[in-house]
């Protein structure tokens, strides 16, 4: 596990905590279906920044990619074929946690 990956994971999680702990409602209209702003409307009417993350050369333990996925981002993991087998296993092992985190944050339907 690269130190930079841990730092990025903590940065992503801290940003999510800032949004989750802010009691003031954010009144931003829901993005339209053709909106590419990278925002997701949560159940309580707030928006949460999401997007597409590319975990280039992610290794077998793609921590920041897993955290980004749990926060609602679409993530593409890449690495050498022999490494991706371990990556797939780690993603599979953490899939229920990712889904439950998305549900807890009110992001989509937990897919």
N, C-alpha and C. Protein backbone atom coordinates (compact mmCIF):
# COMPACT_ATOMS: atom_id res chain seq x y z
N UNK A 1 0.85 -1.17 0.00
CA UNK A 1 0.00 0.00 0.00
C UNK A 1 0.90 1.24 0.00
N UNK A 2 0.72 2.08 -1.00
CA UNK A 2 1.51 3.30 -1.12
C UNK A 2 1.03 4.34 -0.11
N UNK A 3 1.95 5.08 0.45
CA UNK A 3 1.61 6.14 1.40
C UNK A 3 0.68 7.17 0.74
N UNK A 4 0.96 7.53 -0.50
CA UNK A 4 0.13 8.51 -1.21
C UNK A 4 -1.31 8.02 -1.35
N UNK A 5 -1.50 6.72 -1.50
CA UNK A 5 -2.85 6.16 -1.62
C UNK A 5 -3.60 6.32 -0.29
N UNK A 6 -2.89 6.12 0.80
CA UNK A 6 -3.51 6.32 2.11
C UNK A 6 -3.87 7.79 2.32
N UNK A 7 -2.97 8.69 1.94
CA UNK A 7 -3.24 10.13 2.07
C UNK A 7 -4.45 10.51 1.24
N UNK A 8 -4.54 10.03 0.02
CA UNK A 8 -5.69 10.34 -0.84
C UNK A 8 -6.98 9.79 -0.23
N UNK A 9 -6.92 8.60 0.33
CA UNK A 9 -8.10 8.00 0.96
C UNK A 9 -8.57 8.85 2.13
N UNK A 10 -7.64 9.32 2.95
CA UNK A 10 -8.00 10.16 4.08
C UNK A 10 -8.57 11.49 3.61
N UNK A 11 -8.02 12.04 2.54
CA UNK A 11 -8.53 13.29 1.97
C UNK A 11 -9.96 13.11 1.48
N UNK A 12 -10.24 12.04 0.76
CA UNK A 12 -11.59 11.77 0.27
C UNK A 12 -12.57 11.58 1.43
N UNK A 13 -12.15 10.79 2.42
CA UNK A 13 -13.03 10.52 3.56
C UNK A 13 -13.28 11.79 4.37
N UNK A 14 -12.27 12.63 4.54
CA UNK A 14 -12.44 13.88 5.28
C UNK A 14 -13.42 14.79 4.57
N UNK A 15 -13.36 14.84 3.25
CA UNK A 15 -14.31 15.64 2.49
C UNK A 15 -15.72 15.13 2.66
N UNK A 16 -15.89 13.83 2.71
CA UNK A 16 -17.21 13.24 2.92
C UNK A 16 -17.72 13.55 4.32
N UNK A 17 -16.83 13.54 5.30
CA UNK A 17 -17.23 13.83 6.67
C UNK A 17 -17.65 15.29 6.80
N UNK A 18 -16.95 16.20 6.09
CA UNK A 18 -17.33 17.61 6.12
C UNK A 18 -18.75 17.80 5.63
N UNK A 19 -19.10 17.12 4.54
CA UNK A 19 -20.45 17.22 3.98
C UNK A 19 -21.46 16.59 4.92
N UNK A 20 -21.13 15.43 5.49
CA UNK A 20 -22.06 14.71 6.35
C UNK A 20 -22.30 15.44 7.67
N UNK A 21 -21.30 16.17 8.17
CA UNK A 21 -21.45 16.82 9.48
C UNK A 21 -22.03 18.22 9.39
N UNK A 22 -22.18 18.77 8.19
CA UNK A 22 -22.71 20.12 8.03
C UNK A 22 -24.23 20.09 8.21
N UNK A 23 -24.74 20.68 9.30
CA UNK A 23 -26.18 20.60 9.54
C UNK A 23 -27.00 21.54 8.68
N UNK A 24 -26.38 22.50 8.06
CA UNK A 24 -27.13 23.47 7.26
C UNK A 24 -27.54 22.85 5.94
N UNK A 25 -28.81 22.96 5.59
CA UNK A 25 -29.25 22.40 4.32
C UNK A 25 -28.66 23.17 3.15
N UNK A 26 -28.39 22.45 2.10
CA UNK A 26 -27.89 23.05 0.88
C UNK A 26 -29.00 22.96 -0.14
N UNK A 27 -29.53 24.07 -0.57
CA UNK A 27 -30.65 24.08 -1.50
C UNK A 27 -30.17 24.29 -2.92
N UNK A 28 -29.77 23.22 -3.53
CA UNK A 28 -29.33 23.23 -4.91
C UNK A 28 -30.25 22.32 -5.68
N UNK A 29 -30.82 22.76 -6.79
CA UNK A 29 -31.73 21.89 -7.53
C UNK A 29 -31.04 20.63 -8.01
N UNK A 30 -31.84 19.59 -8.17
CA UNK A 30 -31.31 18.32 -8.64
C UNK A 30 -30.71 18.49 -10.03
N UNK A 31 -29.56 17.86 -10.27
CA UNK A 31 -28.97 17.94 -11.59
C UNK A 31 -29.86 17.24 -12.62
N UNK A 32 -29.93 17.80 -13.80
CA UNK A 32 -30.71 17.16 -14.85
C UNK A 32 -29.95 15.96 -15.37
N UNK A 33 -30.63 15.13 -16.13
CA UNK A 33 -30.01 13.90 -16.61
C UNK A 33 -28.84 14.17 -17.54
N UNK A 34 -28.79 15.36 -18.15
CA UNK A 34 -27.69 15.66 -19.06
C UNK A 34 -26.64 16.53 -18.40
N UNK A 35 -26.72 16.68 -17.07
CA UNK A 35 -25.77 17.49 -16.34
C UNK A 35 -24.49 16.71 -16.14
N UNK A 36 -23.37 17.29 -16.51
CA UNK A 36 -22.09 16.61 -16.33
C UNK A 36 -21.27 17.29 -15.24
N UNK A 37 -21.95 17.93 -14.29
CA UNK A 37 -21.24 18.67 -13.24
C UNK A 37 -20.56 17.76 -12.24
N UNK A 38 -20.91 16.47 -12.22
CA UNK A 38 -20.30 15.56 -11.26
C UNK A 38 -20.90 15.67 -9.88
N UNK A 39 -22.16 16.05 -9.79
CA UNK A 39 -22.82 16.14 -8.50
C UNK A 39 -23.97 15.15 -8.43
N UNK A 40 -24.17 14.59 -7.25
CA UNK A 40 -25.25 13.65 -7.00
C UNK A 40 -26.16 14.26 -5.96
N UNK A 41 -27.45 14.20 -6.18
CA UNK A 41 -28.40 14.70 -5.19
C UNK A 41 -28.67 13.60 -4.19
N UNK A 42 -28.49 13.90 -2.91
CA UNK A 42 -28.75 12.92 -1.86
C UNK A 42 -30.21 12.98 -1.45
N UNK A 43 -30.63 12.02 -0.64
CA UNK A 43 -32.03 11.93 -0.22
C UNK A 43 -32.49 13.17 0.54
N UNK A 44 -31.59 13.83 1.26
CA UNK A 44 -31.99 15.00 2.03
C UNK A 44 -31.89 16.30 1.23
N UNK A 45 -31.72 16.20 -0.08
CA UNK A 45 -31.70 17.37 -0.94
C UNK A 45 -30.34 18.02 -1.10
N UNK A 46 -29.32 17.45 -0.51
CA UNK A 46 -27.98 18.00 -0.65
C UNK A 46 -27.32 17.45 -1.90
N UNK A 47 -26.31 18.13 -2.35
CA UNK A 47 -25.53 17.59 -3.46
C UNK A 47 -24.19 17.14 -2.92
N UNK A 48 -23.68 16.12 -3.54
CA UNK A 48 -22.39 15.58 -3.16
C UNK A 48 -21.59 15.44 -4.45
N UNK A 49 -20.36 15.93 -4.44
CA UNK A 49 -19.53 15.83 -5.62
C UNK A 49 -19.15 14.38 -5.86
N UNK A 50 -19.33 13.94 -7.05
CA UNK A 50 -18.90 12.61 -7.47
C UNK A 50 -18.25 12.76 -8.82
N UNK A 51 -17.78 11.71 -9.34
CA UNK A 51 -17.15 11.78 -10.63
C UNK A 51 -16.62 10.44 -11.04
N UNK A 52 -15.66 10.48 -11.94
CA UNK A 52 -15.01 9.28 -12.43
C UNK A 52 -13.56 9.34 -11.99
N UNK A 53 -13.11 8.29 -11.33
CA UNK A 53 -11.72 8.21 -10.88
C UNK A 53 -11.01 7.11 -11.65
N UNK A 54 -9.80 7.39 -12.06
CA UNK A 54 -8.96 6.40 -12.72
C UNK A 54 -7.85 6.03 -11.75
N UNK A 55 -7.87 4.79 -11.28
CA UNK A 55 -6.83 4.30 -10.39
C UNK A 55 -5.79 3.61 -11.27
N UNK A 56 -4.87 4.39 -11.78
CA UNK A 56 -3.87 3.93 -12.74
C UNK A 56 -2.73 3.22 -12.01
N UNK A 57 -2.52 1.96 -12.32
CA UNK A 57 -1.51 1.18 -11.61
C UNK A 57 -1.87 1.04 -10.15
N UNK A 58 -3.11 0.65 -9.89
CA UNK A 58 -3.68 0.68 -8.54
C UNK A 58 -3.08 -0.36 -7.60
N UNK A 59 -2.52 -1.42 -8.13
CA UNK A 59 -2.00 -2.47 -7.27
C UNK A 59 -3.10 -3.36 -6.74
N UNK A 60 -2.74 -4.27 -5.90
CA UNK A 60 -3.70 -5.25 -5.39
C UNK A 60 -4.60 -4.72 -4.29
N UNK A 61 -4.21 -3.61 -3.67
CA UNK A 61 -5.00 -3.03 -2.59
C UNK A 61 -5.28 -1.56 -2.93
N UNK A 62 -6.26 -1.33 -3.79
CA UNK A 62 -6.54 0.04 -4.27
C UNK A 62 -7.39 0.84 -3.27
N UNK A 63 -6.80 1.21 -2.14
CA UNK A 63 -7.54 1.83 -1.06
C UNK A 63 -8.28 3.09 -1.49
N UNK A 64 -7.60 4.03 -2.14
CA UNK A 64 -8.27 5.27 -2.51
C UNK A 64 -9.39 5.02 -3.52
N UNK A 65 -9.22 4.06 -4.40
CA UNK A 65 -10.28 3.72 -5.34
C UNK A 65 -11.49 3.11 -4.63
N UNK A 66 -11.24 2.29 -3.63
CA UNK A 66 -12.34 1.70 -2.85
C UNK A 66 -13.08 2.78 -2.07
N UNK A 67 -12.34 3.73 -1.48
CA UNK A 67 -12.97 4.82 -0.74
C UNK A 67 -13.79 5.69 -1.69
N UNK A 68 -13.21 6.04 -2.84
CA UNK A 68 -13.93 6.85 -3.82
C UNK A 68 -15.21 6.15 -4.27
N UNK A 69 -15.14 4.85 -4.49
CA UNK A 69 -16.32 4.09 -4.88
C UNK A 69 -17.38 4.12 -3.79
N UNK A 70 -16.96 3.96 -2.55
CA UNK A 70 -17.91 3.99 -1.43
C UNK A 70 -18.57 5.36 -1.30
N UNK A 71 -17.88 6.41 -1.77
CA UNK A 71 -18.43 7.76 -1.71
C UNK A 71 -19.24 8.12 -2.95
N UNK A 72 -19.46 7.15 -3.83
CA UNK A 72 -20.33 7.37 -4.98
C UNK A 72 -19.64 7.61 -6.30
N UNK A 73 -18.34 7.60 -6.32
CA UNK A 73 -17.60 7.81 -7.57
C UNK A 73 -17.62 6.53 -8.39
N UNK A 74 -17.58 6.68 -9.70
CA UNK A 74 -17.34 5.55 -10.59
C UNK A 74 -15.83 5.43 -10.72
N UNK A 75 -15.31 4.23 -10.48
CA UNK A 75 -13.86 4.04 -10.46
C UNK A 75 -13.46 2.99 -11.47
N UNK A 76 -12.41 3.29 -12.22
CA UNK A 76 -11.81 2.34 -13.15
C UNK A 76 -10.44 1.99 -12.58
N UNK A 77 -10.25 0.70 -12.27
CA UNK A 77 -8.99 0.22 -11.73
C UNK A 77 -8.15 -0.36 -12.87
N UNK A 78 -6.88 0.01 -12.93
CA UNK A 78 -5.99 -0.54 -13.95
C UNK A 78 -4.68 -1.00 -13.31
N UNK A 79 -4.12 -2.05 -13.88
CA UNK A 79 -2.80 -2.53 -13.48
C UNK A 79 -2.45 -3.68 -14.41
N UNK A 80 -1.35 -4.33 -14.16
CA UNK A 80 -0.96 -5.49 -14.94
C UNK A 80 -1.92 -6.64 -14.66
N UNK A 81 -2.11 -7.51 -15.64
CA UNK A 81 -3.06 -8.61 -15.52
C UNK A 81 -2.89 -9.46 -14.28
N UNK A 82 -1.65 -9.80 -13.95
CA UNK A 82 -1.43 -10.67 -12.78
C UNK A 82 -1.76 -9.95 -11.48
N UNK A 83 -1.67 -8.64 -11.45
CA UNK A 83 -2.02 -7.85 -10.26
C UNK A 83 -3.52 -7.67 -10.16
N UNK A 84 -4.20 -7.52 -11.30
CA UNK A 84 -5.64 -7.28 -11.29
C UNK A 84 -6.43 -8.42 -10.68
N UNK A 85 -5.89 -9.63 -10.69
CA UNK A 85 -6.58 -10.74 -10.02
C UNK A 85 -6.74 -10.44 -8.53
N UNK A 86 -5.67 -9.95 -7.89
CA UNK A 86 -5.75 -9.59 -6.48
C UNK A 86 -6.65 -8.37 -6.29
N UNK A 87 -6.59 -7.42 -7.21
CA UNK A 87 -7.45 -6.23 -7.14
C UNK A 87 -8.92 -6.65 -7.18
N UNK A 88 -9.26 -7.52 -8.12
CA UNK A 88 -10.65 -8.01 -8.24
C UNK A 88 -11.10 -8.67 -6.93
N UNK A 89 -10.23 -9.47 -6.35
CA UNK A 89 -10.57 -10.15 -5.10
C UNK A 89 -10.81 -9.15 -3.97
N UNK A 90 -9.96 -8.13 -3.88
CA UNK A 90 -10.13 -7.12 -2.83
C UNK A 90 -11.39 -6.29 -3.05
N UNK A 91 -11.70 -5.96 -4.28
CA UNK A 91 -12.94 -5.24 -4.56
C UNK A 91 -14.13 -6.11 -4.19
N UNK A 92 -14.08 -7.38 -4.58
CA UNK A 92 -15.16 -8.31 -4.25
C UNK A 92 -15.33 -8.46 -2.74
N UNK A 93 -14.21 -8.56 -2.02
CA UNK A 93 -14.26 -8.71 -0.56
C UNK A 93 -14.86 -7.49 0.13
N UNK A 94 -14.75 -6.32 -0.50
CA UNK A 94 -15.21 -5.08 0.11
C UNK A 94 -16.51 -4.55 -0.49
N UNK A 95 -17.12 -5.30 -1.38
CA UNK A 95 -18.31 -4.83 -2.09
C UNK A 95 -19.47 -4.52 -1.16
N UNK A 96 -19.71 -5.35 -0.17
CA UNK A 96 -20.82 -5.10 0.76
C UNK A 96 -20.60 -3.83 1.58
N UNK A 97 -19.35 -3.57 1.96
CA UNK A 97 -19.03 -2.35 2.70
C UNK A 97 -19.26 -1.12 1.82
N UNK A 98 -18.86 -1.21 0.57
CA UNK A 98 -19.07 -0.11 -0.37
C UNK A 98 -20.56 0.17 -0.53
N UNK A 99 -21.34 -0.89 -0.73
CA UNK A 99 -22.79 -0.73 -0.90
C UNK A 99 -23.44 -0.13 0.35
N UNK A 100 -23.07 -0.63 1.52
CA UNK A 100 -23.70 -0.13 2.75
C UNK A 100 -23.28 1.31 3.03
N UNK A 101 -22.06 1.68 2.68
CA UNK A 101 -21.62 3.06 2.86
C UNK A 101 -22.42 3.99 1.95
N UNK A 102 -22.61 3.58 0.71
CA UNK A 102 -23.42 4.40 -0.21
C UNK A 102 -24.84 4.56 0.30
N UNK A 103 -25.42 3.50 0.82
CA UNK A 103 -26.77 3.59 1.38
C UNK A 103 -26.81 4.52 2.58
N UNK A 104 -25.82 4.40 3.46
CA UNK A 104 -25.76 5.24 4.67
C UNK A 104 -25.61 6.72 4.32
N UNK A 105 -24.89 7.00 3.23
CA UNK A 105 -24.68 8.38 2.81
C UNK A 105 -25.83 8.89 1.94
N UNK A 106 -26.78 8.02 1.63
CA UNK A 106 -27.91 8.42 0.80
C UNK A 106 -27.55 8.59 -0.65
N UNK A 107 -26.55 7.85 -1.10
CA UNK A 107 -26.10 7.95 -2.48
C UNK A 107 -26.71 6.82 -3.28
N UNK A 108 -27.62 7.14 -4.15
CA UNK A 108 -28.22 6.15 -5.03
C UNK A 108 -28.91 5.03 -4.28
N UNK A 109 -28.90 3.86 -4.88
CA UNK A 109 -29.58 2.72 -4.30
C UNK A 109 -28.60 1.69 -3.75
N UNK A 110 -27.37 2.09 -3.53
CA UNK A 110 -26.37 1.20 -2.93
C UNK A 110 -25.72 0.26 -3.91
N UNK A 111 -25.80 0.58 -5.20
CA UNK A 111 -25.15 -0.29 -6.19
C UNK A 111 -23.68 0.01 -6.28
